[in-house]
Amino acid sequence: MLSLAVLKTRQVNALRKFYGSLGIEFAEEQHGKGPVHFAGQVGSVVLEVYPLPDDGTPADSSTRLGFTVARLAEVVEALKALDTPVVTEPQATQWGLRALVRDPDGRAVELYQR
């Protein structure tokens, strides 16, 4: 069972705002001498946002994530206010309403309202 997902980025605050718009509440953490990062709970999974070192390593944009939200239209509007690229506006599918957006690092994020 998945218990942890870590996103590394050079845009920590932008990712916090983006995923915060999905209802994830983040708390600042630091373990020992490690970097300050942010952690939030998504069901039983911990989602962490870590700073990516300035060594030229690109942020991963190939990961695709999916989240269920209570009010999809409201979430999409909140994300648009953050200049989030909306790939697919909310539409009915066999799994419920679905929208596809991109987070600040370009990751595809599927949003569902069941």
N, C-alpha and C. Protein backbone atom coordinates (compact mmCIF):
# COMPACT_ATOMS: atom_id res chain seq x y z
N MET A 1 0.84 -1.17 0.00
CA MET A 1 0.00 0.00 0.00
C MET A 1 0.89 1.24 0.00
N LEU A 2 0.60 2.18 -0.86
CA LEU A 2 1.37 3.42 -0.96
C LEU A 2 1.19 4.24 0.31
N SER A 3 2.29 4.75 0.87
CA SER A 3 2.20 5.56 2.08
C SER A 3 2.88 6.92 1.94
N LEU A 4 3.72 7.10 0.91
CA LEU A 4 4.47 8.34 0.77
C LEU A 4 4.69 8.66 -0.70
N ALA A 5 4.51 9.92 -1.05
CA ALA A 5 4.87 10.43 -2.38
C ALA A 5 5.62 11.73 -2.16
N VAL A 6 6.76 11.86 -2.83
CA VAL A 6 7.61 13.05 -2.68
C VAL A 6 7.75 13.73 -4.03
N LEU A 7 7.42 15.01 -4.07
CA LEU A 7 7.60 15.82 -5.27
C LEU A 7 8.75 16.77 -5.01
N LYS A 8 9.74 16.76 -5.89
CA LYS A 8 10.88 17.67 -5.75
C LYS A 8 10.74 18.76 -6.80
N THR A 9 10.99 19.99 -6.37
CA THR A 9 10.73 21.14 -7.22
C THR A 9 11.61 22.32 -6.87
N ARG A 10 11.77 23.22 -7.82
CA ARG A 10 12.41 24.52 -7.55
C ARG A 10 11.34 25.57 -7.27
N GLN A 11 10.09 25.15 -7.28
CA GLN A 11 8.95 26.05 -7.07
C GLN A 11 8.13 25.58 -5.87
N VAL A 12 8.76 25.48 -4.72
CA VAL A 12 8.11 24.92 -3.54
C VAL A 12 6.81 25.65 -3.22
N ASN A 13 6.85 26.97 -3.16
CA ASN A 13 5.64 27.71 -2.79
C ASN A 13 4.54 27.56 -3.83
N ALA A 14 4.90 27.54 -5.11
CA ALA A 14 3.89 27.36 -6.16
C ALA A 14 3.24 25.99 -6.04
N LEU A 15 4.03 24.94 -5.77
CA LEU A 15 3.45 23.61 -5.61
C LEU A 15 2.58 23.53 -4.36
N ARG A 16 2.99 24.17 -3.29
CA ARG A 16 2.17 24.20 -2.07
C ARG A 16 0.82 24.84 -2.35
N LYS A 17 0.81 25.93 -3.07
CA LYS A 17 -0.46 26.61 -3.40
C LYS A 17 -1.31 25.74 -4.31
N PHE A 18 -0.68 25.15 -5.34
CA PHE A 18 -1.40 24.30 -6.28
C PHE A 18 -2.08 23.15 -5.55
N TYR A 19 -1.29 22.34 -4.83
CA TYR A 19 -1.86 21.17 -4.15
C TYR A 19 -2.73 21.58 -2.95
N GLY A 20 -2.45 22.73 -2.37
CA GLY A 20 -3.33 23.27 -1.33
C GLY A 20 -4.72 23.58 -1.87
N SER A 21 -4.80 23.98 -3.14
CA SER A 21 -6.09 24.24 -3.77
C SER A 21 -6.93 22.98 -3.90
N LEU A 22 -6.28 21.83 -3.80
CA LEU A 22 -7.01 20.55 -3.84
C LEU A 22 -7.49 20.13 -2.46
N GLY A 23 -7.19 20.95 -1.45
CA GLY A 23 -7.63 20.66 -0.09
C GLY A 23 -6.56 20.04 0.80
N ILE A 24 -5.33 19.96 0.30
CA ILE A 24 -4.25 19.37 1.09
C ILE A 24 -3.65 20.46 1.98
N GLU A 25 -3.62 20.20 3.27
CA GLU A 25 -3.04 21.15 4.22
C GLU A 25 -1.61 20.72 4.51
N PHE A 26 -0.67 21.63 4.25
CA PHE A 26 0.74 21.32 4.42
C PHE A 26 1.29 21.91 5.71
N ALA A 27 2.20 21.18 6.31
CA ALA A 27 2.93 21.66 7.48
C ALA A 27 4.41 21.65 7.14
N GLU A 28 5.12 22.65 7.63
CA GLU A 28 6.57 22.73 7.41
C GLU A 28 7.25 21.70 8.28
N GLU A 29 8.24 21.00 7.69
CA GLU A 29 9.00 19.98 8.43
C GLU A 29 10.47 20.10 8.09
N GLN A 30 11.28 19.57 8.98
CA GLN A 30 12.71 19.41 8.73
C GLN A 30 13.19 18.28 9.62
N HIS A 31 13.86 17.31 9.01
CA HIS A 31 14.34 16.16 9.75
C HIS A 31 15.84 16.28 9.90
N GLY A 32 16.30 16.45 11.13
CA GLY A 32 17.73 16.61 11.37
C GLY A 32 18.28 17.80 10.60
N LYS A 33 19.34 17.55 9.83
CA LYS A 33 19.97 18.61 9.05
C LYS A 33 19.48 18.64 7.60
N GLY A 34 18.41 17.87 7.32
CA GLY A 34 17.83 17.83 5.97
C GLY A 34 17.17 19.14 5.62
N PRO A 35 16.72 19.26 4.38
CA PRO A 35 16.11 20.51 3.94
C PRO A 35 14.72 20.73 4.54
N VAL A 36 14.36 21.98 4.69
CA VAL A 36 13.00 22.33 5.07
C VAL A 36 12.11 21.91 3.91
N HIS A 37 11.02 21.26 4.23
CA HIS A 37 10.07 20.80 3.21
C HIS A 37 8.67 20.87 3.80
N PHE A 38 7.68 20.46 3.01
CA PHE A 38 6.30 20.55 3.45
C PHE A 38 5.63 19.20 3.26
N ALA A 39 4.79 18.82 4.23
CA ALA A 39 4.11 17.53 4.19
C ALA A 39 2.63 17.72 4.45
N GLY A 40 1.82 16.97 3.70
CA GLY A 40 0.38 16.99 3.89
C GLY A 40 -0.18 15.59 3.73
N GLN A 41 -1.35 15.39 4.24
CA GLN A 41 -2.00 14.08 4.23
C GLN A 41 -3.03 14.03 3.11
N VAL A 42 -2.99 12.96 2.31
CA VAL A 42 -3.98 12.69 1.26
C VAL A 42 -4.51 11.30 1.55
N GLY A 43 -5.61 11.22 2.27
CA GLY A 43 -6.08 9.92 2.74
C GLY A 43 -5.02 9.34 3.66
N SER A 44 -4.54 8.13 3.34
CA SER A 44 -3.51 7.51 4.17
C SER A 44 -2.10 7.76 3.62
N VAL A 45 -2.00 8.57 2.56
CA VAL A 45 -0.71 8.84 1.92
C VAL A 45 -0.19 10.22 2.35
N VAL A 46 1.09 10.28 2.67
CA VAL A 46 1.74 11.56 2.96
C VAL A 46 2.32 12.09 1.64
N LEU A 47 1.95 13.33 1.29
CA LEU A 47 2.51 13.99 0.11
C LEU A 47 3.49 15.04 0.61
N GLU A 48 4.75 14.92 0.18
CA GLU A 48 5.77 15.88 0.59
C GLU A 48 6.26 16.67 -0.60
N VAL A 49 6.54 17.95 -0.37
CA VAL A 49 7.11 18.84 -1.38
C VAL A 49 8.48 19.25 -0.87
N TYR A 50 9.51 18.83 -1.59
CA TYR A 50 10.90 19.09 -1.23
C TYR A 50 11.53 20.04 -2.24
N PRO A 51 12.46 20.88 -1.77
CA PRO A 51 13.19 21.71 -2.73
C PRO A 51 14.15 20.86 -3.55
N LEU A 52 14.21 21.13 -4.83
CA LEU A 52 15.14 20.46 -5.73
C LEU A 52 16.44 21.25 -5.73
N PRO A 53 17.60 20.59 -5.58
CA PRO A 53 18.87 21.32 -5.56
C PRO A 53 19.09 22.08 -6.88
N ASP A 54 19.80 23.18 -6.80
CA ASP A 54 20.12 23.98 -7.98
C ASP A 54 21.33 23.41 -8.70
N ASP A 55 21.27 22.13 -9.05
CA ASP A 55 22.40 21.49 -9.71
C ASP A 55 22.11 21.19 -11.18
N GLY A 56 21.01 21.76 -11.70
CA GLY A 56 20.67 21.53 -13.08
C GLY A 56 19.77 20.34 -13.32
N THR A 57 19.51 19.55 -12.28
CA THR A 57 18.61 18.41 -12.42
C THR A 57 17.21 18.94 -12.70
N PRO A 58 16.59 18.46 -13.78
CA PRO A 58 15.24 18.96 -14.09
C PRO A 58 14.20 18.38 -13.13
N ALA A 59 13.15 19.16 -12.88
CA ALA A 59 12.03 18.64 -12.10
C ALA A 59 11.32 17.59 -12.95
N ASP A 60 10.85 16.55 -12.30
CA ASP A 60 10.13 15.49 -13.00
C ASP A 60 8.78 16.01 -13.48
N SER A 61 8.54 15.93 -14.77
CA SER A 61 7.24 16.34 -15.29
C SER A 61 6.50 15.16 -15.91
N SER A 62 7.07 13.96 -15.77
CA SER A 62 6.45 12.79 -16.39
C SER A 62 5.50 12.05 -15.46
N THR A 63 5.57 12.33 -14.17
CA THR A 63 4.67 11.68 -13.22
C THR A 63 3.26 12.19 -13.42
N ARG A 64 2.29 11.30 -13.37
CA ARG A 64 0.88 11.66 -13.49
C ARG A 64 0.21 11.30 -12.17
N LEU A 65 -0.50 12.24 -11.60
CA LEU A 65 -1.17 12.05 -10.31
C LEU A 65 -2.67 12.20 -10.50
N GLY A 66 -3.44 11.62 -9.60
CA GLY A 66 -4.89 11.75 -9.64
C GLY A 66 -5.44 12.00 -8.25
N PHE A 67 -6.42 12.90 -8.16
CA PHE A 67 -7.04 13.24 -6.89
C PHE A 67 -8.55 13.30 -7.06
N THR A 68 -9.27 12.87 -6.05
CA THR A 68 -10.72 13.04 -5.99
C THR A 68 -11.01 14.27 -5.15
N VAL A 69 -11.84 15.16 -5.68
CA VAL A 69 -12.20 16.38 -4.96
C VAL A 69 -13.72 16.44 -4.83
N ALA A 70 -14.20 17.21 -3.87
CA ALA A 70 -15.63 17.29 -3.61
C ALA A 70 -16.35 18.16 -4.64
N ARG A 71 -15.75 19.30 -5.01
CA ARG A 71 -16.40 20.24 -5.92
C ARG A 71 -15.42 20.61 -7.04
N LEU A 72 -15.45 19.81 -8.09
CA LEU A 72 -14.48 19.92 -9.18
C LEU A 72 -14.49 21.30 -9.82
N ALA A 73 -15.64 21.84 -10.15
CA ALA A 73 -15.70 23.14 -10.82
C ALA A 73 -15.04 24.23 -9.98
N GLU A 74 -15.27 24.21 -8.67
CA GLU A 74 -14.66 25.21 -7.78
C GLU A 74 -13.14 25.04 -7.72
N VAL A 75 -12.68 23.81 -7.68
CA VAL A 75 -11.24 23.56 -7.63
C VAL A 75 -10.58 24.04 -8.92
N VAL A 76 -11.19 23.74 -10.06
CA VAL A 76 -10.62 24.17 -11.35
C VAL A 76 -10.57 25.69 -11.42
N GLU A 77 -11.60 26.37 -10.94
CA GLU A 77 -11.59 27.85 -10.95
C GLU A 77 -10.48 28.39 -10.04
N ALA A 78 -10.29 27.77 -8.87
CA ALA A 78 -9.22 28.19 -7.96
C ALA A 78 -7.85 27.98 -8.61
N LEU A 79 -7.70 26.88 -9.34
CA LEU A 79 -6.43 26.61 -10.01
C LEU A 79 -6.20 27.59 -11.16
N LYS A 80 -7.26 27.95 -11.87
CA LYS A 80 -7.13 28.94 -12.94
C LYS A 80 -6.64 30.27 -12.38
N ALA A 81 -7.09 30.62 -11.17
CA ALA A 81 -6.65 31.86 -10.53
C ALA A 81 -5.15 31.83 -10.24
N LEU A 82 -4.57 30.63 -10.17
CA LEU A 82 -3.12 30.47 -9.97
C LEU A 82 -2.40 30.33 -11.32
N ASP A 83 -3.09 30.61 -12.42
CA ASP A 83 -2.55 30.47 -13.78
C ASP A 83 -2.18 29.04 -14.13
N THR A 84 -2.94 28.10 -13.59
CA THR A 84 -2.74 26.68 -13.88
C THR A 84 -3.21 26.35 -15.28
N PRO A 85 -2.38 25.68 -16.08
CA PRO A 85 -2.86 25.22 -17.39
C PRO A 85 -3.93 24.14 -17.22
N VAL A 86 -5.09 24.38 -17.82
CA VAL A 86 -6.17 23.40 -17.81
C VAL A 86 -6.16 22.71 -19.16
N VAL A 87 -5.81 21.45 -19.17
CA VAL A 87 -5.73 20.67 -20.40
C VAL A 87 -7.13 20.26 -20.85
N THR A 88 -7.94 19.80 -19.90
CA THR A 88 -9.31 19.38 -20.18
C THR A 88 -10.23 19.97 -19.11
N GLU A 89 -11.21 20.73 -19.54
CA GLU A 89 -12.21 21.27 -18.61
C GLU A 89 -13.02 20.11 -18.03
N PRO A 90 -13.72 20.34 -16.90
CA PRO A 90 -14.53 19.28 -16.32
C PRO A 90 -15.54 18.73 -17.33
N GLN A 91 -15.57 17.40 -17.39
CA GLN A 91 -16.53 16.74 -18.27
C GLN A 91 -16.92 15.40 -17.67
N ALA A 92 -18.11 14.93 -18.04
CA ALA A 92 -18.63 13.66 -17.51
C ALA A 92 -17.88 12.50 -18.15
N THR A 93 -17.48 11.53 -17.32
CA THR A 93 -16.86 10.29 -17.78
C THR A 93 -17.53 9.14 -17.03
N GLN A 94 -17.15 7.94 -17.35
CA GLN A 94 -17.72 6.78 -16.64
C GLN A 94 -17.29 6.72 -15.18
N TRP A 95 -16.26 7.50 -14.81
CA TRP A 95 -15.77 7.52 -13.42
C TRP A 95 -16.25 8.75 -12.66
N GLY A 96 -17.09 9.57 -13.28
CA GLY A 96 -17.55 10.82 -12.67
C GLY A 96 -17.02 12.00 -13.46
N LEU A 97 -17.19 13.20 -12.93
CA LEU A 97 -16.65 14.38 -13.59
C LEU A 97 -15.12 14.33 -13.53
N ARG A 98 -14.47 14.74 -14.63
CA ARG A 98 -13.01 14.67 -14.70
C ARG A 98 -12.48 15.92 -15.38
N ALA A 99 -11.37 16.43 -14.86
CA ALA A 99 -10.61 17.51 -15.49
C ALA A 99 -9.15 17.11 -15.45
N LEU A 100 -8.38 17.63 -16.40
CA LEU A 100 -6.94 17.39 -16.42
C LEU A 100 -6.23 18.73 -16.42
N VAL A 101 -5.32 18.91 -15.46
CA VAL A 101 -4.55 20.15 -15.34
C VAL A 101 -3.07 19.80 -15.25
N ARG A 102 -2.23 20.82 -15.26
CA ARG A 102 -0.78 20.62 -15.08
C ARG A 102 -0.33 21.42 -13.88
N ASP A 103 0.47 20.79 -13.02
CA ASP A 103 0.99 21.51 -11.86
C ASP A 103 2.11 22.44 -12.32
N PRO A 104 2.65 23.28 -11.45
CA PRO A 104 3.67 24.25 -11.87
C PRO A 104 4.91 23.65 -12.52
N ASP A 105 5.21 22.38 -12.26
CA ASP A 105 6.35 21.72 -12.89
C ASP A 105 5.96 20.97 -14.15
N GLY A 106 4.69 21.01 -14.53
CA GLY A 106 4.24 20.37 -15.76
C GLY A 106 3.70 18.96 -15.59
N ARG A 107 3.61 18.46 -14.34
CA ARG A 107 3.04 17.14 -14.12
C ARG A 107 1.56 17.14 -14.45
N ALA A 108 1.07 16.10 -15.13
CA ALA A 108 -0.35 15.96 -15.39
C ALA A 108 -1.04 15.55 -14.09
N VAL A 109 -2.13 16.24 -13.78
CA VAL A 109 -2.89 15.95 -12.57
C VAL A 109 -4.36 15.78 -12.98
N GLU A 110 -4.86 14.57 -12.78
CA GLU A 110 -6.26 14.27 -13.06
C GLU A 110 -7.07 14.58 -11.81
N LEU A 111 -8.16 15.30 -12.00
CA LEU A 111 -9.05 15.64 -10.90
C LEU A 111 -10.41 15.02 -11.16
N TYR A 112 -10.96 14.35 -10.16
CA TYR A 112 -12.24 13.67 -10.30
C TYR A 112 -13.21 14.12 -9.22
N GLN A 113 -14.47 14.21 -9.60
CA GLN A 113 -15.57 14.37 -8.65
C GLN A 113 -16.48 13.18 -8.88
N ARG A 114 -16.60 12.31 -7.91
CA ARG A 114 -17.39 11.09 -8.08
C ARG A 114 -18.88 11.36 -7.94
